[in-house]
Amino acid sequence: MPANPLLRVCALLNEHGARYLVCGGQAVILHGIVRTTEDVDIFIEPSEDNAAKVINALSQLEDGAARDLIPRDLLDNVIVKIADDVEVDVSTHAWKVSYADAISSAAETVIDGLKIPYLGLDSLIASRERDRIDLLRLRELKEQQGNR
């Protein structure tokens, strides 16, 4: 199991065939902006089957904190915080962005042979309305990319 929290979470989700996108601070980092964060935020496809895959995957984290969840917990709440050796925040949408909106413009990277799907720049900007510093830096990045 990878030591890096993001890689550990993504390895488990990939192993279980979960449909997800990394969002939040980790997605900001994946876009190349230097910042710190201690948790892993993910958007998930909002279906019972997928929510069960996510729960099964995250139940394999060290403390097994996700074992008490059922799929409806992930689908009926705005955000579910799974406080394990890695804190994972699971949601189906953030602000105006849903998983369904974000999947068509999702980005993907490979780190240490592990595929990591994450929010594309426009979806990430739309999802970061409350984080002014991230929002400013992401808009600058988008402008730079437009000038290439």
N, C-alpha and C. Protein backbone atom coordinates (compact mmCIF):
# COMPACT_ATOMS: atom_id res chain seq x y z
N MET A 1 0.85 -1.18 0.00
CA MET A 1 0.00 0.00 0.00
C MET A 1 0.90 1.25 0.00
N PRO A 2 0.64 2.21 -0.90
CA PRO A 2 1.46 3.42 -0.95
C PRO A 2 1.41 4.21 0.36
N ALA A 3 2.51 4.89 0.68
CA ALA A 3 2.56 5.72 1.88
C ALA A 3 1.81 7.03 1.68
N ASN A 4 1.85 7.57 0.47
CA ASN A 4 1.18 8.83 0.16
C ASN A 4 -0.33 8.66 0.32
N PRO A 5 -0.99 9.50 1.12
CA PRO A 5 -2.43 9.34 1.36
C PRO A 5 -3.28 9.36 0.07
N LEU A 6 -2.98 10.26 -0.85
CA LEU A 6 -3.74 10.32 -2.09
C LEU A 6 -3.59 9.02 -2.87
N LEU A 7 -2.38 8.54 -2.99
CA LEU A 7 -2.14 7.31 -3.74
C LEU A 7 -2.79 6.11 -3.06
N ARG A 8 -2.77 6.10 -1.73
CA ARG A 8 -3.38 4.99 -0.99
C ARG A 8 -4.89 4.94 -1.26
N VAL A 9 -5.55 6.09 -1.18
CA VAL A 9 -6.99 6.15 -1.41
C VAL A 9 -7.32 5.78 -2.85
N CYS A 10 -6.59 6.34 -3.81
CA CYS A 10 -6.87 6.06 -5.22
C CYS A 10 -6.60 4.60 -5.56
N ALA A 11 -5.55 4.02 -4.98
CA ALA A 11 -5.26 2.60 -5.24
C ALA A 11 -6.43 1.73 -4.80
N LEU A 12 -6.99 2.02 -3.63
CA LEU A 12 -8.13 1.23 -3.13
C LEU A 12 -9.37 1.44 -4.00
N LEU A 13 -9.64 2.69 -4.35
CA LEU A 13 -10.81 2.97 -5.19
C LEU A 13 -10.68 2.31 -6.56
N ASN A 14 -9.50 2.38 -7.14
CA ASN A 14 -9.27 1.76 -8.45
C ASN A 14 -9.42 0.25 -8.36
N GLU A 15 -8.87 -0.33 -7.31
CA GLU A 15 -8.93 -1.78 -7.11
C GLU A 15 -10.37 -2.28 -7.06
N HIS A 16 -11.26 -1.45 -6.51
CA HIS A 16 -12.67 -1.84 -6.36
C HIS A 16 -13.54 -1.37 -7.53
N GLY A 17 -12.93 -0.73 -8.52
CA GLY A 17 -13.68 -0.28 -9.69
C GLY A 17 -14.63 0.87 -9.42
N ALA A 18 -14.32 1.68 -8.40
CA ALA A 18 -15.16 2.82 -8.07
C ALA A 18 -15.01 3.92 -9.12
N ARG A 19 -16.11 4.63 -9.37
CA ARG A 19 -16.09 5.75 -10.30
C ARG A 19 -16.05 7.02 -9.44
N TYR A 20 -14.94 7.75 -9.55
CA TYR A 20 -14.68 8.90 -8.69
C TYR A 20 -13.78 9.89 -9.40
N LEU A 21 -13.73 11.08 -8.86
CA LEU A 21 -12.78 12.11 -9.29
C LEU A 21 -12.20 12.76 -8.04
N VAL A 22 -10.91 12.93 -8.01
CA VAL A 22 -10.28 13.67 -6.92
C VAL A 22 -10.65 15.14 -7.11
N CYS A 23 -11.03 15.79 -6.02
CA CYS A 23 -11.39 17.21 -6.07
C CYS A 23 -10.69 17.91 -4.91
N GLY A 24 -11.09 19.10 -4.58
CA GLY A 24 -10.53 19.80 -3.43
C GLY A 24 -9.05 20.13 -3.59
N GLY A 25 -8.38 20.24 -2.46
CA GLY A 25 -6.98 20.64 -2.44
C GLY A 25 -6.06 19.71 -3.21
N GLN A 26 -6.34 18.41 -3.17
CA GLN A 26 -5.49 17.47 -3.91
C GLN A 26 -5.59 17.72 -5.41
N ALA A 27 -6.78 18.07 -5.91
CA ALA A 27 -6.94 18.38 -7.34
C ALA A 27 -6.20 19.66 -7.69
N VAL A 28 -6.21 20.62 -6.78
CA VAL A 28 -5.45 21.86 -7.00
C VAL A 28 -3.98 21.51 -7.17
N ILE A 29 -3.47 20.65 -6.31
CA ILE A 29 -2.06 20.22 -6.38
C ILE A 29 -1.80 19.49 -7.69
N LEU A 30 -2.72 18.61 -8.10
CA LEU A 30 -2.54 17.86 -9.34
C LEU A 30 -2.51 18.78 -10.57
N HIS A 31 -3.09 19.96 -10.45
CA HIS A 31 -3.02 20.94 -11.53
C HIS A 31 -1.72 21.74 -11.48
N GLY A 32 -0.86 21.44 -10.51
CA GLY A 32 0.46 22.05 -10.48
C GLY A 32 0.61 23.25 -9.56
N ILE A 33 -0.39 23.50 -8.74
CA ILE A 33 -0.31 24.63 -7.81
C ILE A 33 0.19 24.10 -6.47
N VAL A 34 1.21 24.76 -5.95
CA VAL A 34 1.81 24.33 -4.69
C VAL A 34 0.93 24.78 -3.53
N ARG A 35 0.50 23.83 -2.74
CA ARG A 35 -0.29 24.08 -1.53
C ARG A 35 -0.22 22.82 -0.68
N THR A 36 -0.73 22.90 0.52
CA THR A 36 -0.76 21.72 1.37
C THR A 36 -2.20 21.36 1.70
N THR A 37 -2.40 20.10 1.96
CA THR A 37 -3.69 19.62 2.44
C THR A 37 -3.45 18.27 3.09
N GLU A 38 -4.25 17.95 4.07
CA GLU A 38 -4.06 16.69 4.77
C GLU A 38 -5.12 15.66 4.43
N ASP A 39 -6.22 16.08 3.78
CA ASP A 39 -7.27 15.13 3.48
C ASP A 39 -7.34 14.87 1.98
N VAL A 40 -8.18 13.92 1.62
CA VAL A 40 -8.43 13.60 0.22
C VAL A 40 -9.93 13.78 0.00
N ASP A 41 -10.27 14.67 -0.93
CA ASP A 41 -11.67 14.91 -1.27
C ASP A 41 -11.97 14.22 -2.58
N ILE A 42 -13.12 13.52 -2.63
CA ILE A 42 -13.50 12.87 -3.88
C ILE A 42 -14.97 13.13 -4.19
N PHE A 43 -15.26 13.28 -5.48
CA PHE A 43 -16.62 13.24 -6.02
C PHE A 43 -16.85 11.81 -6.43
N ILE A 44 -18.04 11.30 -6.21
CA ILE A 44 -18.33 9.95 -6.68
C ILE A 44 -19.56 9.97 -7.58
N GLU A 45 -19.62 9.02 -8.49
CA GLU A 45 -20.83 8.84 -9.28
C GLU A 45 -21.93 8.45 -8.31
N PRO A 46 -23.08 9.16 -8.34
CA PRO A 46 -24.13 8.92 -7.35
C PRO A 46 -25.06 7.76 -7.69
N SER A 47 -24.55 6.56 -7.54
CA SER A 47 -25.39 5.36 -7.71
C SER A 47 -25.15 4.44 -6.51
N GLU A 48 -26.15 3.63 -6.19
CA GLU A 48 -26.02 2.68 -5.07
C GLU A 48 -24.82 1.75 -5.27
N ASP A 49 -24.70 1.23 -6.48
CA ASP A 49 -23.61 0.30 -6.80
C ASP A 49 -22.25 0.95 -6.59
N ASN A 50 -22.10 2.16 -7.10
CA ASN A 50 -20.81 2.84 -6.96
C ASN A 50 -20.53 3.22 -5.50
N ALA A 51 -21.55 3.70 -4.80
CA ALA A 51 -21.37 4.05 -3.39
C ALA A 51 -20.92 2.83 -2.59
N ALA A 52 -21.46 1.65 -2.91
CA ALA A 52 -21.03 0.42 -2.24
C ALA A 52 -19.57 0.12 -2.54
N LYS A 53 -19.14 0.34 -3.78
CA LYS A 53 -17.73 0.12 -4.14
C LYS A 53 -16.83 1.07 -3.37
N VAL A 54 -17.25 2.32 -3.25
CA VAL A 54 -16.46 3.31 -2.51
C VAL A 54 -16.34 2.90 -1.04
N ILE A 55 -17.44 2.49 -0.45
CA ILE A 55 -17.42 2.06 0.95
C ILE A 55 -16.52 0.84 1.13
N ASN A 56 -16.65 -0.14 0.26
CA ASN A 56 -15.80 -1.34 0.35
C ASN A 56 -14.33 -0.98 0.23
N ALA A 57 -14.01 -0.08 -0.68
CA ALA A 57 -12.62 0.34 -0.87
C ALA A 57 -12.09 1.05 0.37
N LEU A 58 -12.83 2.06 0.83
CA LEU A 58 -12.35 2.87 1.96
C LEU A 58 -12.40 2.11 3.28
N SER A 59 -13.16 1.04 3.34
CA SER A 59 -13.18 0.19 4.54
C SER A 59 -11.85 -0.52 4.74
N GLN A 60 -11.03 -0.57 3.71
CA GLN A 60 -9.72 -1.22 3.81
C GLN A 60 -8.63 -0.28 4.33
N LEU A 61 -8.98 0.98 4.59
CA LEU A 61 -8.01 1.86 5.23
C LEU A 61 -7.74 1.33 6.63
N GLU A 62 -6.67 1.76 7.23
CA GLU A 62 -6.16 1.18 8.47
C GLU A 62 -7.19 0.99 9.58
N ASP A 63 -8.01 2.01 9.85
CA ASP A 63 -8.95 1.92 10.97
C ASP A 63 -10.32 1.35 10.58
N GLY A 64 -10.57 1.16 9.29
CA GLY A 64 -11.84 0.59 8.85
C GLY A 64 -13.05 1.45 9.16
N ALA A 65 -12.85 2.76 9.24
CA ALA A 65 -13.92 3.67 9.66
C ALA A 65 -15.12 3.65 8.72
N ALA A 66 -14.94 3.31 7.46
CA ALA A 66 -16.05 3.31 6.50
C ALA A 66 -16.96 2.09 6.63
N ARG A 67 -16.56 1.11 7.42
CA ARG A 67 -17.33 -0.14 7.52
C ARG A 67 -18.75 0.05 8.04
N ASP A 68 -18.98 1.12 8.80
CA ASP A 68 -20.30 1.36 9.38
C ASP A 68 -21.24 2.08 8.42
N LEU A 69 -20.75 2.48 7.26
CA LEU A 69 -21.56 3.22 6.30
C LEU A 69 -22.36 2.30 5.40
N ILE A 70 -23.45 2.85 4.88
CA ILE A 70 -24.22 2.18 3.84
C ILE A 70 -24.27 3.13 2.64
N PRO A 71 -24.55 2.64 1.44
CA PRO A 71 -24.55 3.51 0.27
C PRO A 71 -25.41 4.76 0.41
N ARG A 72 -26.57 4.66 1.04
CA ARG A 72 -27.44 5.85 1.19
C ARG A 72 -26.75 6.95 1.97
N ASP A 73 -25.85 6.61 2.90
CA ASP A 73 -25.12 7.63 3.65
C ASP A 73 -24.36 8.54 2.70
N LEU A 74 -23.72 7.95 1.70
CA LEU A 74 -22.94 8.74 0.75
C LEU A 74 -23.83 9.49 -0.23
N LEU A 75 -24.98 8.94 -0.53
CA LEU A 75 -25.87 9.54 -1.53
C LEU A 75 -26.81 10.59 -0.95
N ASP A 76 -27.15 10.48 0.32
CA ASP A 76 -28.14 11.37 0.92
C ASP A 76 -27.54 12.57 1.65
N ASN A 77 -26.23 12.61 1.81
CA ASN A 77 -25.59 13.69 2.54
C ASN A 77 -24.73 14.52 1.61
N VAL A 78 -24.62 15.80 1.90
CA VAL A 78 -23.81 16.70 1.08
C VAL A 78 -22.36 16.24 1.07
N ILE A 79 -21.86 15.90 2.23
CA ILE A 79 -20.48 15.43 2.34
C ILE A 79 -20.41 14.44 3.49
N VAL A 80 -19.65 13.39 3.30
CA VAL A 80 -19.42 12.42 4.36
C VAL A 80 -17.93 12.40 4.64
N LYS A 81 -17.57 12.71 5.88
CA LYS A 81 -16.17 12.68 6.30
C LYS A 81 -15.86 11.31 6.87
N ILE A 82 -14.91 10.65 6.27
CA ILE A 82 -14.48 9.35 6.77
C ILE A 82 -13.13 9.59 7.43
N ALA A 83 -13.14 9.58 8.76
CA ALA A 83 -11.94 9.90 9.53
C ALA A 83 -11.21 8.61 9.85
N ASP A 84 -10.25 8.28 9.02
CA ASP A 84 -9.45 7.07 9.16
C ASP A 84 -7.99 7.51 9.28
N ASP A 85 -7.03 6.64 8.98
CA ASP A 85 -5.64 7.08 8.99
C ASP A 85 -5.43 8.17 7.93
N VAL A 86 -6.30 8.18 6.92
CA VAL A 86 -6.41 9.27 5.95
C VAL A 86 -7.84 9.78 6.07
N GLU A 87 -8.02 11.10 6.19
CA GLU A 87 -9.38 11.62 6.19
C GLU A 87 -9.82 11.77 4.75
N VAL A 88 -10.96 11.15 4.43
CA VAL A 88 -11.50 11.21 3.07
C VAL A 88 -12.88 11.85 3.14
N ASP A 89 -13.06 12.93 2.37
CA ASP A 89 -14.35 13.58 2.27
C ASP A 89 -15.00 13.14 0.97
N VAL A 90 -16.18 12.54 1.07
CA VAL A 90 -16.87 11.98 -0.09
C VAL A 90 -18.13 12.79 -0.36
N SER A 91 -18.31 13.19 -1.62
CA SER A 91 -19.52 13.92 -2.00
C SER A 91 -19.89 13.59 -3.44
N THR A 92 -21.10 13.96 -3.81
CA THR A 92 -21.54 13.78 -5.20
C THR A 92 -21.55 15.10 -5.94
N HIS A 93 -21.36 16.21 -5.21
CA HIS A 93 -21.29 17.53 -5.84
C HIS A 93 -20.67 18.54 -4.89
N ALA A 94 -20.20 19.64 -5.46
CA ALA A 94 -19.69 20.76 -4.66
C ALA A 94 -20.12 22.04 -5.36
N TRP A 95 -20.80 22.87 -4.63
CA TRP A 95 -21.37 24.09 -5.19
C TRP A 95 -22.20 23.76 -6.41
N LYS A 96 -21.83 24.28 -7.55
CA LYS A 96 -22.63 24.08 -8.77
C LYS A 96 -22.17 22.87 -9.57
N VAL A 97 -21.18 22.15 -9.11
CA VAL A 97 -20.57 21.08 -9.89
C VAL A 97 -20.98 19.72 -9.34
N SER A 98 -21.50 18.88 -10.22
CA SER A 98 -21.82 17.51 -9.84
C SER A 98 -20.84 16.56 -10.52
N TYR A 99 -20.82 15.34 -10.07
CA TYR A 99 -19.97 14.33 -10.72
C TYR A 99 -20.33 14.24 -12.19
N ALA A 100 -21.63 14.23 -12.49
CA ALA A 100 -22.08 14.13 -13.88
C ALA A 100 -21.58 15.29 -14.72
N ASP A 101 -21.56 16.50 -14.15
CA ASP A 101 -21.05 17.67 -14.87
C ASP A 101 -19.55 17.57 -15.08
N ALA A 102 -18.86 17.07 -14.09
CA ALA A 102 -17.39 17.10 -14.09
C ALA A 102 -16.74 15.97 -14.90
N ILE A 103 -17.41 14.85 -15.06
CA ILE A 103 -16.76 13.69 -15.67
C ILE A 103 -16.35 13.95 -17.12
N SER A 104 -17.13 14.74 -17.85
CA SER A 104 -16.83 14.95 -19.27
C SER A 104 -15.56 15.77 -19.49
N SER A 105 -15.16 16.56 -18.51
CA SER A 105 -13.95 17.37 -18.65
C SER A 105 -12.87 16.97 -17.65
N ALA A 106 -13.00 15.77 -17.10
CA ALA A 106 -12.05 15.31 -16.09
C ALA A 106 -10.65 15.18 -16.68
N ALA A 107 -9.68 15.33 -15.81
CA ALA A 107 -8.28 15.14 -16.18
C ALA A 107 -7.82 13.83 -15.55
N GLU A 108 -6.69 13.34 -16.00
CA GLU A 108 -6.14 12.10 -15.44
C GLU A 108 -4.63 12.20 -15.48
N THR A 109 -4.02 11.69 -14.45
CA THR A 109 -2.56 11.59 -14.41
C THR A 109 -2.20 10.21 -13.92
N VAL A 110 -0.96 9.85 -14.10
CA VAL A 110 -0.45 8.57 -13.61
C VAL A 110 0.74 8.88 -12.71
N ILE A 111 0.67 8.41 -11.48
CA ILE A 111 1.76 8.58 -10.52
C ILE A 111 2.13 7.19 -10.01
N ASP A 112 3.39 6.85 -10.15
CA ASP A 112 3.88 5.53 -9.72
C ASP A 112 3.02 4.41 -10.30
N GLY A 113 2.62 4.56 -11.56
CA GLY A 113 1.83 3.54 -12.24
C GLY A 113 0.36 3.51 -11.89
N LEU A 114 -0.09 4.45 -11.07
CA LEU A 114 -1.47 4.50 -10.59
C LEU A 114 -2.23 5.62 -11.29
N LYS A 115 -3.34 5.27 -11.95
CA LYS A 115 -4.17 6.27 -12.60
C LYS A 115 -4.96 7.05 -11.56
N ILE A 116 -4.94 8.37 -11.69
CA ILE A 116 -5.66 9.23 -10.77
C ILE A 116 -6.55 10.17 -11.58
N PRO A 117 -7.87 9.96 -11.54
CA PRO A 117 -8.78 10.88 -12.22
C PRO A 117 -9.08 12.06 -11.30
N TYR A 118 -9.10 13.26 -11.87
CA TYR A 118 -9.36 14.43 -11.04
C TYR A 118 -10.11 15.50 -11.82
N LEU A 119 -10.65 16.47 -11.11
CA LEU A 119 -11.45 17.51 -11.74
C LEU A 119 -10.61 18.30 -12.73
N GLY A 120 -11.20 18.52 -13.91
CA GLY A 120 -10.59 19.42 -14.88
C GLY A 120 -10.60 20.84 -14.33
N LEU A 121 -9.84 21.70 -14.96
CA LEU A 121 -9.64 23.05 -14.43
C LEU A 121 -10.94 23.84 -14.28
N ASP A 122 -11.81 23.83 -15.29
CA ASP A 122 -13.05 24.59 -15.19
C ASP A 122 -13.95 24.08 -14.07
N SER A 123 -14.08 22.77 -13.94
CA SER A 123 -14.90 22.21 -12.86
C SER A 123 -14.29 22.51 -11.51
N LEU A 124 -12.97 22.46 -11.43
CA LEU A 124 -12.30 22.75 -10.16
C LEU A 124 -12.52 24.21 -9.76
N ILE A 125 -12.41 25.11 -10.72
CA ILE A 125 -12.66 26.53 -10.43
C ILE A 125 -14.10 26.71 -9.92
N ALA A 126 -15.05 26.08 -10.60
CA ALA A 126 -16.46 26.21 -10.20
C ALA A 126 -16.73 25.61 -8.82
N SER A 127 -15.92 24.64 -8.41
CA SER A 127 -16.14 23.97 -7.12
C SER A 127 -15.41 24.63 -5.96
N ARG A 128 -14.56 25.61 -6.23
CA ARG A 128 -13.72 26.20 -5.17
C ARG A 128 -14.19 27.59 -4.77
N GLU A 129 -15.45 27.92 -4.93
CA GLU A 129 -15.96 29.25 -4.65
C GLU A 129 -15.64 29.76 -3.25
N ARG A 130 -15.55 28.89 -2.29
CA ARG A 130 -15.32 29.33 -0.91
C ARG A 130 -13.84 29.50 -0.59
N ASP A 131 -12.97 28.98 -1.40
CA ASP A 131 -11.53 29.09 -1.14
C ASP A 131 -10.94 30.15 -2.06
N ARG A 132 -10.93 31.37 -1.60
CA ARG A 132 -10.52 32.51 -2.42
C ARG A 132 -9.08 32.40 -2.94
N ILE A 133 -8.18 31.91 -2.11
CA ILE A 133 -6.79 31.81 -2.55
C ILE A 133 -6.67 30.79 -3.67
N ASP A 134 -7.26 29.61 -3.49
CA ASP A 134 -7.23 28.61 -4.56
C ASP A 134 -7.89 29.16 -5.82
N LEU A 135 -9.02 29.82 -5.66
CA LEU A 135 -9.76 30.35 -6.79
C LEU A 135 -8.90 31.34 -7.59
N LEU A 136 -8.23 32.23 -6.92
CA LEU A 136 -7.35 33.20 -7.57
C LEU A 136 -6.24 32.49 -8.34
N ARG A 137 -5.58 31.54 -7.69
CA ARG A 137 -4.47 30.83 -8.33
C ARG A 137 -4.93 29.97 -9.50
N LEU A 138 -6.11 29.35 -9.38
CA LEU A 138 -6.64 28.53 -10.47
C LEU A 138 -7.02 29.40 -11.67
N ARG A 139 -7.60 30.56 -11.41
CA ARG A 139 -7.93 31.47 -12.52
C ARG A 139 -6.67 31.97 -13.22
N GLU A 140 -5.63 32.24 -12.45
CA GLU A 140 -4.34 32.63 -13.06
C GLU A 140 -3.80 31.49 -13.93
N LEU A 141 -3.90 30.27 -13.45
CA LEU A 141 -3.45 29.10 -14.22
C LEU A 141 -4.24 28.97 -15.51
N LYS A 142 -5.54 29.16 -15.44
CA LYS A 142 -6.37 29.07 -16.64
C LYS A 142 -5.98 30.14 -17.65
N GLU A 143 -5.73 31.34 -17.16
CA GLU A 143 -5.30 32.43 -18.05
C GLU A 143 -3.96 32.09 -18.71
N GLN A 144 -3.02 31.56 -17.94
CA GLN A 144 -1.72 31.16 -18.49
C GLN A 144 -1.89 30.09 -19.56
N GLN A 145 -2.75 29.12 -19.31
CA GLN A 145 -2.98 28.05 -20.28
C GLN A 145 -3.62 28.58 -21.54
N GLY A 146 -4.45 29.60 -21.42
CA GLY A 146 -5.08 30.20 -22.59
C GLY A 146 -4.11 30.98 -23.45
N ASN A 147 -3.00 31.42 -22.86
CA ASN A 147 -2.00 32.20 -23.58
C ASN A 147 -0.95 31.32 -24.25
N ARG A 148 -1.08 30.02 -24.16
CA ARG A 148 -0.08 29.12 -24.76
C ARG A 148 -0.40 28.83 -26.19
